[in-house]
Amino acid sequence: MKDEGTTAGRLSSTRRCRGLAAAVCFLASGVAAGTALAQPSFDVPFVPTPMVVVDEMLRLAEVRPDDLVMDLGSGDGRTVIAAAKKFGARAVGVELDQHLLMQS
């Protein structure tokens, strides 16, 4: 296991994050361009997290500008948007629902 505090660990981590971000952008661009992507069916409804809860979660996590916040199933993007706007962090959201992706 690499020590993430080393230069090699940080570079490796940065490369993984860039690769994931590129994949998310690729998928999002296909949706925005109208490319036919299969829309999965979902077993659970989208229930937005209240902003007061989002803010408190990010505060308790002590999110800082040098952090990368990732939200799998990001819904309307409120958590990643708040992490970036209010805490200055880099943030990546992953969402399968095309309508929620467009909202975020």
N, C-alpha and C. Protein backbone atom coordinates (compact mmCIF):
# COMPACT_ATOMS: atom_id res chain seq x y z
N MET A 1 0.85 -1.18 0.00
CA MET A 1 0.00 0.00 0.00
C MET A 1 0.89 1.23 0.00
N LYS A 2 0.62 2.14 -0.91
CA LYS A 2 1.42 3.36 -0.99
C LYS A 2 1.01 4.34 0.08
N ASP A 3 1.97 5.10 0.53
CA ASP A 3 1.69 6.18 1.46
C ASP A 3 1.16 7.35 0.65
N GLU A 4 -0.11 7.70 0.83
CA GLU A 4 -0.73 8.78 0.06
C GLU A 4 -0.07 10.13 0.33
N GLY A 5 0.72 10.23 1.39
CA GLY A 5 1.39 11.47 1.70
C GLY A 5 2.64 11.69 0.85
N THR A 6 3.10 10.66 0.15
CA THR A 6 4.29 10.81 -0.67
C THR A 6 3.93 11.46 -1.99
N THR A 7 4.95 11.98 -2.65
CA THR A 7 4.74 12.59 -3.97
C THR A 7 4.16 11.58 -4.94
N ALA A 8 4.69 10.36 -4.94
CA ALA A 8 4.17 9.33 -5.84
C ALA A 8 2.72 9.01 -5.54
N GLY A 9 2.36 8.96 -4.27
CA GLY A 9 0.98 8.69 -3.88
C GLY A 9 0.04 9.79 -4.33
N ARG A 10 0.48 11.05 -4.19
CA ARG A 10 -0.36 12.17 -4.61
C ARG A 10 -0.52 12.18 -6.13
N LEU A 11 0.56 11.91 -6.87
CA LEU A 11 0.47 11.89 -8.32
C LEU A 11 -0.47 10.79 -8.78
N SER A 12 -0.35 9.61 -8.18
CA SER A 12 -1.21 8.50 -8.54
C SER A 12 -2.66 8.84 -8.25
N SER A 13 -2.90 9.44 -7.11
CA SER A 13 -4.25 9.84 -6.73
C SER A 13 -4.79 10.90 -7.69
N THR A 14 -3.94 11.84 -8.07
CA THR A 14 -4.34 12.89 -9.01
C THR A 14 -4.70 12.29 -10.35
N ARG A 15 -3.92 11.35 -10.82
CA ARG A 15 -4.22 10.72 -12.11
C ARG A 15 -5.56 9.98 -12.07
N ARG A 16 -5.82 9.28 -10.96
CA ARG A 16 -7.10 8.57 -10.84
C ARG A 16 -8.26 9.55 -10.87
N CYS A 17 -8.12 10.67 -10.15
CA CYS A 17 -9.19 11.67 -10.11
C CYS A 17 -9.42 12.29 -11.49
N ARG A 18 -8.32 12.58 -12.20
CA ARG A 18 -8.46 13.14 -13.55
C ARG A 18 -9.14 12.15 -14.48
N GLY A 19 -8.79 10.87 -14.35
CA GLY A 19 -9.41 9.85 -15.19
C GLY A 19 -10.90 9.74 -14.92
N LEU A 20 -11.28 9.77 -13.67
CA LEU A 20 -12.70 9.71 -13.31
C LEU A 20 -13.42 10.96 -13.79
N ALA A 21 -12.80 12.11 -13.60
CA ALA A 21 -13.43 13.36 -14.05
C ALA A 21 -13.61 13.35 -15.56
N ALA A 22 -12.65 12.82 -16.29
CA ALA A 22 -12.76 12.75 -17.75
C ALA A 22 -13.91 11.83 -18.15
N ALA A 23 -14.05 10.71 -17.45
CA ALA A 23 -15.14 9.78 -17.76
C ALA A 23 -16.50 10.42 -17.49
N VAL A 24 -16.62 11.14 -16.39
CA VAL A 24 -17.87 11.80 -16.05
C VAL A 24 -18.19 12.87 -17.09
N CYS A 25 -17.19 13.65 -17.49
CA CYS A 25 -17.40 14.69 -18.51
C CYS A 25 -17.81 14.07 -19.83
N PHE A 26 -17.20 12.94 -20.18
CA PHE A 26 -17.55 12.26 -21.42
C PHE A 26 -19.01 11.83 -21.41
N LEU A 27 -19.43 11.22 -20.31
CA LEU A 27 -20.83 10.78 -20.21
C LEU A 27 -21.78 11.97 -20.22
N ALA A 28 -21.42 13.03 -19.51
CA ALA A 28 -22.27 14.22 -19.45
C ALA A 28 -22.36 14.88 -20.82
N SER A 29 -21.27 14.91 -21.57
CA SER A 29 -21.30 15.55 -22.88
C SER A 29 -22.19 14.77 -23.83
N GLY A 30 -22.22 13.45 -23.69
CA GLY A 30 -23.11 12.65 -24.52
C GLY A 30 -24.56 12.96 -24.25
N VAL A 31 -24.91 13.16 -22.99
CA VAL A 31 -26.27 13.51 -22.62
C VAL A 31 -26.61 14.90 -23.14
N ALA A 32 -25.69 15.87 -22.94
CA ALA A 32 -25.93 17.24 -23.37
C ALA A 32 -26.05 17.33 -24.88
N ALA A 33 -25.31 16.51 -25.61
CA ALA A 33 -25.34 16.56 -27.07
C ALA A 33 -26.52 15.77 -27.63
N GLY A 34 -27.29 15.15 -26.77
CA GLY A 34 -28.46 14.41 -27.22
C GLY A 34 -28.13 13.00 -27.67
N THR A 35 -26.95 12.51 -27.39
CA THR A 35 -26.58 11.15 -27.75
C THR A 35 -27.50 10.19 -27.00
N ALA A 36 -27.95 9.18 -27.70
CA ALA A 36 -28.87 8.23 -27.08
C ALA A 36 -28.12 7.34 -26.11
N LEU A 37 -28.30 7.59 -24.83
CA LEU A 37 -27.76 6.73 -23.79
C LEU A 37 -28.94 6.01 -23.15
N ALA A 38 -28.76 4.74 -22.90
CA ALA A 38 -29.84 3.98 -22.29
C ALA A 38 -30.13 4.52 -20.89
N GLN A 39 -31.38 4.88 -20.65
CA GLN A 39 -31.78 5.40 -19.34
C GLN A 39 -32.19 4.23 -18.46
N PRO A 40 -31.43 3.97 -17.39
CA PRO A 40 -31.79 2.85 -16.51
C PRO A 40 -33.06 3.15 -15.74
N SER A 41 -33.73 2.11 -15.30
CA SER A 41 -34.89 2.32 -14.43
C SER A 41 -34.38 2.30 -12.99
N PHE A 42 -35.04 3.07 -12.14
CA PHE A 42 -34.59 3.21 -10.77
C PHE A 42 -35.63 2.66 -9.82
N ASP A 43 -35.16 1.96 -8.79
CA ASP A 43 -36.05 1.36 -7.80
C ASP A 43 -36.43 2.31 -6.68
N VAL A 44 -35.68 3.39 -6.55
CA VAL A 44 -35.92 4.34 -5.46
C VAL A 44 -36.12 5.74 -6.03
N PRO A 45 -36.96 6.53 -5.38
CA PRO A 45 -37.19 7.90 -5.87
C PRO A 45 -36.04 8.82 -5.44
N PHE A 46 -35.87 9.91 -6.17
CA PHE A 46 -34.91 10.93 -5.78
C PHE A 46 -35.55 11.78 -4.69
N VAL A 47 -34.88 11.88 -3.54
CA VAL A 47 -35.34 12.72 -2.44
C VAL A 47 -34.18 13.66 -2.12
N PRO A 48 -34.35 14.96 -2.42
CA PRO A 48 -33.24 15.89 -2.20
C PRO A 48 -32.92 16.07 -0.72
N THR A 49 -31.64 16.17 -0.44
CA THR A 49 -31.19 16.44 0.92
C THR A 49 -31.37 17.92 1.22
N PRO A 50 -31.99 18.28 2.33
CA PRO A 50 -32.15 19.71 2.66
C PRO A 50 -30.79 20.41 2.73
N MET A 51 -30.73 21.65 2.25
CA MET A 51 -29.46 22.38 2.20
C MET A 51 -28.82 22.52 3.57
N VAL A 52 -29.63 22.68 4.62
CA VAL A 52 -29.05 22.79 5.96
C VAL A 52 -28.29 21.51 6.32
N VAL A 53 -28.77 20.36 5.86
CA VAL A 53 -28.11 19.08 6.11
C VAL A 53 -26.84 18.97 5.26
N VAL A 54 -26.92 19.39 3.99
CA VAL A 54 -25.74 19.39 3.11
C VAL A 54 -24.63 20.23 3.73
N ASP A 55 -24.96 21.45 4.13
CA ASP A 55 -23.96 22.34 4.73
C ASP A 55 -23.35 21.74 5.98
N GLU A 56 -24.17 21.13 6.81
CA GLU A 56 -23.67 20.53 8.05
C GLU A 56 -22.78 19.32 7.77
N MET A 57 -23.14 18.49 6.79
CA MET A 57 -22.31 17.34 6.43
C MET A 57 -20.92 17.81 5.97
N LEU A 58 -20.90 18.82 5.12
CA LEU A 58 -19.63 19.32 4.61
C LEU A 58 -18.81 19.98 5.73
N ARG A 59 -19.49 20.66 6.64
CA ARG A 59 -18.80 21.29 7.78
C ARG A 59 -18.21 20.22 8.69
N LEU A 60 -19.00 19.19 9.01
CA LEU A 60 -18.52 18.11 9.87
C LEU A 60 -17.36 17.34 9.23
N ALA A 61 -17.38 17.25 7.91
CA ALA A 61 -16.29 16.57 7.19
C ALA A 61 -15.04 17.45 7.10
N GLU A 62 -15.18 18.69 7.56
CA GLU A 62 -14.08 19.66 7.52
C GLU A 62 -13.50 19.79 6.11
N VAL A 63 -14.40 19.98 5.14
CA VAL A 63 -13.98 20.13 3.74
C VAL A 63 -13.18 21.41 3.60
N ARG A 64 -12.05 21.28 2.90
CA ARG A 64 -11.14 22.41 2.70
C ARG A 64 -10.89 22.61 1.21
N PRO A 65 -10.32 23.75 0.83
CA PRO A 65 -10.06 24.02 -0.59
C PRO A 65 -9.15 23.00 -1.27
N ASP A 66 -8.31 22.29 -0.53
CA ASP A 66 -7.43 21.31 -1.17
C ASP A 66 -8.05 19.91 -1.22
N ASP A 67 -9.34 19.79 -0.90
CA ASP A 67 -10.04 18.50 -0.92
C ASP A 67 -10.73 18.27 -2.26
N LEU A 68 -10.96 17.00 -2.56
CA LEU A 68 -11.78 16.58 -3.68
C LEU A 68 -12.98 15.86 -3.10
N VAL A 69 -14.17 16.41 -3.31
CA VAL A 69 -15.41 15.82 -2.81
C VAL A 69 -16.05 15.06 -3.96
N MET A 70 -16.36 13.78 -3.72
CA MET A 70 -17.03 12.97 -4.74
C MET A 70 -18.38 12.52 -4.19
N ASP A 71 -19.40 12.64 -5.02
CA ASP A 71 -20.75 12.25 -4.62
C ASP A 71 -21.29 11.29 -5.66
N LEU A 72 -21.41 10.01 -5.28
CA LEU A 72 -21.98 9.01 -6.18
C LEU A 72 -23.48 9.00 -5.99
N GLY A 73 -24.21 9.20 -7.07
CA GLY A 73 -25.65 9.37 -6.98
C GLY A 73 -25.93 10.79 -6.53
N SER A 74 -25.34 11.75 -7.24
CA SER A 74 -25.34 13.15 -6.81
C SER A 74 -26.66 13.89 -7.00
N GLY A 75 -27.64 13.24 -7.60
CA GLY A 75 -28.96 13.87 -7.74
C GLY A 75 -28.90 15.18 -8.48
N ASP A 76 -29.40 16.24 -7.86
CA ASP A 76 -29.41 17.55 -8.51
C ASP A 76 -28.10 18.31 -8.32
N GLY A 77 -27.11 17.67 -7.71
CA GLY A 77 -25.78 18.25 -7.58
C GLY A 77 -25.58 19.19 -6.42
N ARG A 78 -26.56 19.28 -5.53
CA ARG A 78 -26.46 20.27 -4.46
C ARG A 78 -25.26 20.08 -3.54
N THR A 79 -24.85 18.84 -3.29
CA THR A 79 -23.72 18.60 -2.40
C THR A 79 -22.41 19.02 -3.05
N VAL A 80 -22.20 18.63 -4.30
CA VAL A 80 -20.94 19.01 -4.97
C VAL A 80 -20.89 20.50 -5.27
N ILE A 81 -22.04 21.08 -5.58
CA ILE A 81 -22.07 22.53 -5.83
C ILE A 81 -21.75 23.30 -4.55
N ALA A 82 -22.33 22.87 -3.43
CA ALA A 82 -22.05 23.53 -2.15
C ALA A 82 -20.59 23.34 -1.75
N ALA A 83 -20.04 22.15 -1.99
CA ALA A 83 -18.63 21.90 -1.64
C ALA A 83 -17.72 22.84 -2.41
N ALA A 84 -18.05 23.07 -3.67
CA ALA A 84 -17.22 23.95 -4.49
C ALA A 84 -17.44 25.43 -4.15
N LYS A 85 -18.69 25.84 -4.06
CA LYS A 85 -19.00 27.27 -3.84
C LYS A 85 -18.70 27.73 -2.42
N LYS A 86 -19.15 26.96 -1.44
CA LYS A 86 -19.06 27.42 -0.05
C LYS A 86 -17.75 27.03 0.64
N PHE A 87 -17.11 25.94 0.17
CA PHE A 87 -15.92 25.45 0.85
C PHE A 87 -14.68 25.51 -0.04
N GLY A 88 -14.85 25.85 -1.31
CA GLY A 88 -13.72 26.01 -2.23
C GLY A 88 -13.09 24.71 -2.68
N ALA A 89 -13.72 23.59 -2.41
CA ALA A 89 -13.16 22.28 -2.78
C ALA A 89 -13.43 21.99 -4.26
N ARG A 90 -12.64 21.09 -4.81
CA ARG A 90 -12.97 20.54 -6.13
C ARG A 90 -14.02 19.47 -5.87
N ALA A 91 -14.96 19.31 -6.77
CA ALA A 91 -16.04 18.36 -6.52
C ALA A 91 -16.47 17.67 -7.81
N VAL A 92 -16.78 16.39 -7.69
CA VAL A 92 -17.24 15.58 -8.81
C VAL A 92 -18.50 14.85 -8.38
N GLY A 93 -19.55 14.99 -9.17
CA GLY A 93 -20.78 14.26 -8.92
C GLY A 93 -21.01 13.25 -10.02
N VAL A 94 -21.50 12.09 -9.66
CA VAL A 94 -21.82 11.04 -10.64
C VAL A 94 -23.30 10.73 -10.49
N GLU A 95 -24.03 10.88 -11.59
CA GLU A 95 -25.48 10.66 -11.57
C GLU A 95 -25.89 9.92 -12.83
N LEU A 96 -26.74 8.90 -12.70
CA LEU A 96 -27.21 8.13 -13.84
C LEU A 96 -28.49 8.69 -14.46
N ASP A 97 -29.30 9.36 -13.66
CA ASP A 97 -30.58 9.90 -14.14
C ASP A 97 -30.32 11.14 -14.99
N GLN A 98 -30.67 11.07 -16.26
CA GLN A 98 -30.40 12.16 -17.20
C GLN A 98 -31.09 13.46 -16.79
N HIS A 99 -32.29 13.38 -16.26
CA HIS A 99 -33.02 14.59 -15.86
C HIS A 99 -32.32 15.29 -14.69
N LEU A 100 -31.89 14.50 -13.74
CA LEU A 100 -31.16 15.09 -12.60
C LEU A 100 -29.80 15.62 -13.03
N LEU A 101 -29.16 14.94 -13.96
CA LEU A 101 -27.88 15.40 -14.50
C LEU A 101 -28.05 16.78 -15.14
N MET A 102 -29.10 16.95 -15.90
CA MET A 102 -29.35 18.24 -16.55
C MET A 102 -29.68 19.32 -15.51
N GLN A 103 -30.39 18.97 -14.45
CA GLN A 103 -30.68 19.93 -13.37
C GLN A 103 -29.41 20.41 -12.71
N SER A 104 -28.50 19.50 -12.48
CA SER A 104 -27.28 19.89 -11.75
C SER A 104 -26.38 20.70 -12.65
